[in-house]
Amino acid sequence: MSIYNKNQKLDKRYEDGIWLDFQANTWLFFVKDQIWQPEEIQRAENASVTLSFIQKGICDAFLLEVFDCLEVSDLPFCIKEASEDLLKSLEMKDIYKYEIVLINGDNVVSAIRNGFFNKENTDILKKKLQARSKEDFQVEDAEHSYQKLAEKYQPYELEQFTVFIQKN
């Protein structure tokens, strides 16, 4: 069951780019571009997906790649800014799902790709995020640290800091 539906018009206007959210035990990976070509939509819905979780210092991020559609893109986040939904999910036994949502310039969902993290990767992610939530740093520190990391490395170069890879 998807959180979003193909051809759904989103209420909020978003800038072009890529960002992350979490709802209903699902990691949401949004990618907005003005126009999605039919080939890109077909690949987003069917081609292989690689999701990597990385940690470097106090930085956490996902790397997302959709074969022949979306190059490796980084999606940093800070557990200190996590929603109550995400924090509660860390204690649950359910495996995490994911949803890749392509949005066009009219703010309409062009494609959706659903998947899940296997049990081992879900457990690793929950354990790492629980530990990270107990560390003593501020959101601004994590943001600054990630900014420095992004200046030094291209997204594909961040793969050296991978904690796990989920391929679907």
Protein backbone atom coordinates (compact mmCIF):
# COMPACT_ATOMS: atom_id res chain seq x y z
CA MET A 1 0.00 0.00 0.00
CA SER A 2 1.45 3.34 -1.06
CA ILE A 3 1.34 6.53 0.93
CA TYR A 4 1.20 8.48 -2.33
CA ASN A 5 -0.55 7.62 -5.59
CA LYS A 6 0.50 8.10 -9.19
CA ASN A 7 -1.11 11.24 -10.69
CA GLN A 8 -1.83 12.60 -7.19
CA LYS A 9 -1.57 16.41 -7.04
CA LEU A 10 0.39 17.50 -3.98
CA ASP A 11 -0.96 20.42 -1.97
CA LYS A 12 2.38 21.87 -0.97
CA ARG A 13 4.65 23.39 -3.65
CA TYR A 14 8.15 21.98 -3.66
CA GLU A 15 11.34 23.21 -5.28
CA ASP A 16 13.15 20.94 -7.75
CA GLY A 17 15.51 18.60 -5.94
CA ILE A 18 15.59 15.57 -3.71
CA TRP A 19 14.55 15.21 -0.08
CA LEU A 20 13.59 12.69 2.58
CA ASP A 21 10.63 12.19 4.90
CA PHE A 22 9.25 9.44 7.11
CA GLN A 23 5.61 8.39 7.58
CA ALA A 24 3.84 5.20 8.64
CA ASN A 25 7.03 3.12 8.98
CA THR A 26 8.05 4.20 5.47
CA TRP A 27 11.09 6.17 4.36
CA LEU A 28 9.94 8.54 1.62
CA PHE A 29 12.44 9.59 -1.04
CA PHE A 30 11.09 12.52 -3.08
CA VAL A 31 12.63 13.60 -6.37
CA LYS A 32 11.20 16.63 -8.12
CA ASP A 33 12.07 17.71 -11.64
CA GLN A 34 10.12 19.87 -14.07
CA ILE A 35 9.62 17.08 -16.61
CA TRP A 36 9.95 13.30 -16.31
CA GLN A 37 10.40 11.52 -19.63
CA PRO A 38 8.40 8.29 -20.20
CA GLU A 39 11.66 6.29 -20.15
CA GLU A 40 12.61 7.77 -16.77
CA ILE A 41 9.19 6.96 -15.33
CA GLN A 42 9.41 3.39 -16.63
CA ARG A 43 12.90 2.95 -15.13
CA ALA A 44 11.88 4.50 -11.81
CA GLU A 45 9.03 2.01 -11.56
CA ASN A 46 10.97 -1.07 -12.74
CA ALA A 47 14.78 -0.70 -12.76
CA SER A 48 17.00 -1.84 -9.92
CA VAL A 49 17.18 0.44 -6.89
CA THR A 50 20.16 0.74 -4.57
CA LEU A 51 19.70 2.39 -1.19
CA SER A 52 22.76 2.77 1.01
CA PHE A 53 22.86 4.07 4.56
CA ILE A 54 26.05 5.91 5.44
CA GLN A 55 27.55 7.34 8.60
CA LYS A 56 30.63 9.54 8.84
CA GLY A 57 31.36 11.37 12.07
CA ILE A 58 28.01 12.78 13.19
CA CYS A 59 26.59 12.63 9.65
CA ASP A 60 23.84 10.23 8.62
CA ALA A 61 22.50 9.96 5.08
CA PHE A 62 20.94 7.70 2.54
CA LEU A 63 22.38 7.34 -0.93
CA LEU A 64 19.75 6.60 -3.57
CA GLU A 65 20.36 5.31 -7.08
CA VAL A 66 17.82 4.10 -9.62
CA PHE A 67 19.58 2.31 -12.45
CA ASP A 68 19.68 4.34 -15.65
CA CYS A 69 17.30 6.95 -14.22
CA LEU A 70 18.76 8.63 -11.14
CA GLU A 71 22.47 8.95 -10.41
CA VAL A 72 23.66 8.40 -6.84
CA SER A 73 22.04 11.16 -4.80
CA ASP A 74 22.64 11.91 -1.16
CA LEU A 75 19.85 12.54 1.34
CA PRO A 76 21.28 13.67 4.68
CA PHE A 77 19.14 13.78 7.79
CA CYS A 78 19.56 14.33 11.50
CA ILE A 79 17.83 12.05 14.02
CA LYS A 80 17.68 15.04 16.39
CA GLU A 81 15.03 16.50 14.04
CA ALA A 82 13.11 13.24 13.73
CA SER A 83 9.35 13.13 13.93
CA GLU A 84 7.66 11.31 16.78
CA ASP A 85 6.59 8.70 14.21
CA LEU A 86 10.21 7.93 13.33
CA LEU A 87 11.34 7.86 16.96
CA LYS A 88 8.56 5.42 17.89
CA SER A 89 9.43 3.20 14.92
CA LEU A 90 12.90 2.62 16.37
CA GLU A 91 11.29 0.55 19.14
CA MET A 92 8.97 -1.48 16.90
CA LYS A 93 9.78 -4.85 15.33
CA ASP A 94 8.29 -4.03 11.90
CA ILE A 95 10.65 -3.84 8.94
CA TYR A 96 11.00 -0.49 7.24
CA LYS A 97 9.42 0.17 3.87
CA TYR A 98 10.44 2.81 1.37
CA GLU A 99 8.70 4.76 -1.35
CA ILE A 100 10.43 6.66 -4.13
CA VAL A 101 8.16 9.45 -5.37
CA LEU A 102 8.91 11.32 -8.60
CA ILE A 103 7.16 14.69 -8.76
CA ASN A 104 6.86 16.85 -11.89
CA GLY A 105 6.80 20.62 -12.29
CA ASP A 106 3.03 20.74 -11.80
CA ASN A 107 3.48 19.09 -8.37
CA VAL A 108 1.90 15.87 -9.59
CA VAL A 109 3.28 12.42 -8.75
CA SER A 110 4.71 11.00 -11.99
CA ALA A 111 5.94 7.67 -10.64
CA ILE A 112 6.10 5.64 -7.45
CA ARG A 113 8.39 2.80 -6.52
CA ASN A 114 7.69 0.80 -3.38
CA GLY A 115 10.06 -1.52 -1.62
CA PHE A 116 11.29 -2.57 1.77
CA PHE A 117 14.45 -2.92 3.77
CA ASN A 118 15.19 -6.52 4.71
CA LYS A 119 15.08 -7.44 8.41
CA GLU A 120 18.85 -7.30 8.85
CA ASN A 121 19.15 -3.81 7.34
CA THR A 122 16.09 -2.58 9.26
CA ASP A 123 17.63 -3.82 12.51
CA ILE A 124 20.99 -2.19 11.72
CA LEU A 125 19.32 1.11 10.83
CA LYS A 126 17.23 1.16 14.00
CA LYS A 127 20.25 0.29 16.17
CA LYS A 128 22.43 2.98 14.55
CA LEU A 129 19.73 5.66 14.80
CA GLN A 130 18.93 4.78 18.44
CA ALA A 131 22.61 5.12 19.31
CA ARG A 132 22.89 8.36 17.32
CA SER A 133 19.87 9.86 19.12
CA LYS A 134 21.71 9.49 22.44
CA GLU A 135 24.86 11.26 21.25
CA ASP A 136 25.54 14.78 22.46
CA PHE A 137 25.45 17.17 19.50
CA GLN A 138 23.12 19.79 18.07
CA VAL A 139 21.27 19.72 14.75
CA GLU A 140 23.37 22.65 13.55
CA ASP A 141 26.55 20.65 14.27
CA ALA A 142 25.32 17.76 12.11
CA GLU A 143 24.30 20.12 9.31
CA HIS A 144 27.70 21.86 9.37
CA SER A 145 29.51 18.54 9.44
CA TYR A 146 27.53 17.27 6.45
CA GLN A 147 28.17 20.49 4.56
CA LYS A 148 31.92 19.94 4.99
CA LEU A 149 31.58 16.31 3.91
CA ALA A 150 29.60 17.31 0.79
CA GLU A 151 32.26 19.86 -0.13
CA LYS A 152 34.91 17.16 0.01
CA TYR A 153 33.05 14.26 -1.68
CA GLN A 154 30.66 13.74 -4.57
CA PRO A 155 27.61 11.64 -3.60
CA TYR A 156 29.00 8.47 -5.22
CA GLU A 157 32.26 8.95 -3.28
CA LEU A 158 30.33 8.75 -0.01
CA GLU A 159 29.78 5.04 -0.65
CA GLN A 160 33.03 4.36 1.22
CA PHE A 161 31.17 5.20 4.45
CA THR A 162 28.38 2.69 3.82
CA VAL A 163 26.91 0.88 6.83
CA PHE A 164 24.62 -1.28 4.65
CA ILE A 165 23.28 -1.53 1.10
CA GLN A 166 19.72 -2.49 0.21
CA LYS A 167 19.20 -3.53 -3.41
CA ASN A 168 15.73 -4.09 -4.83
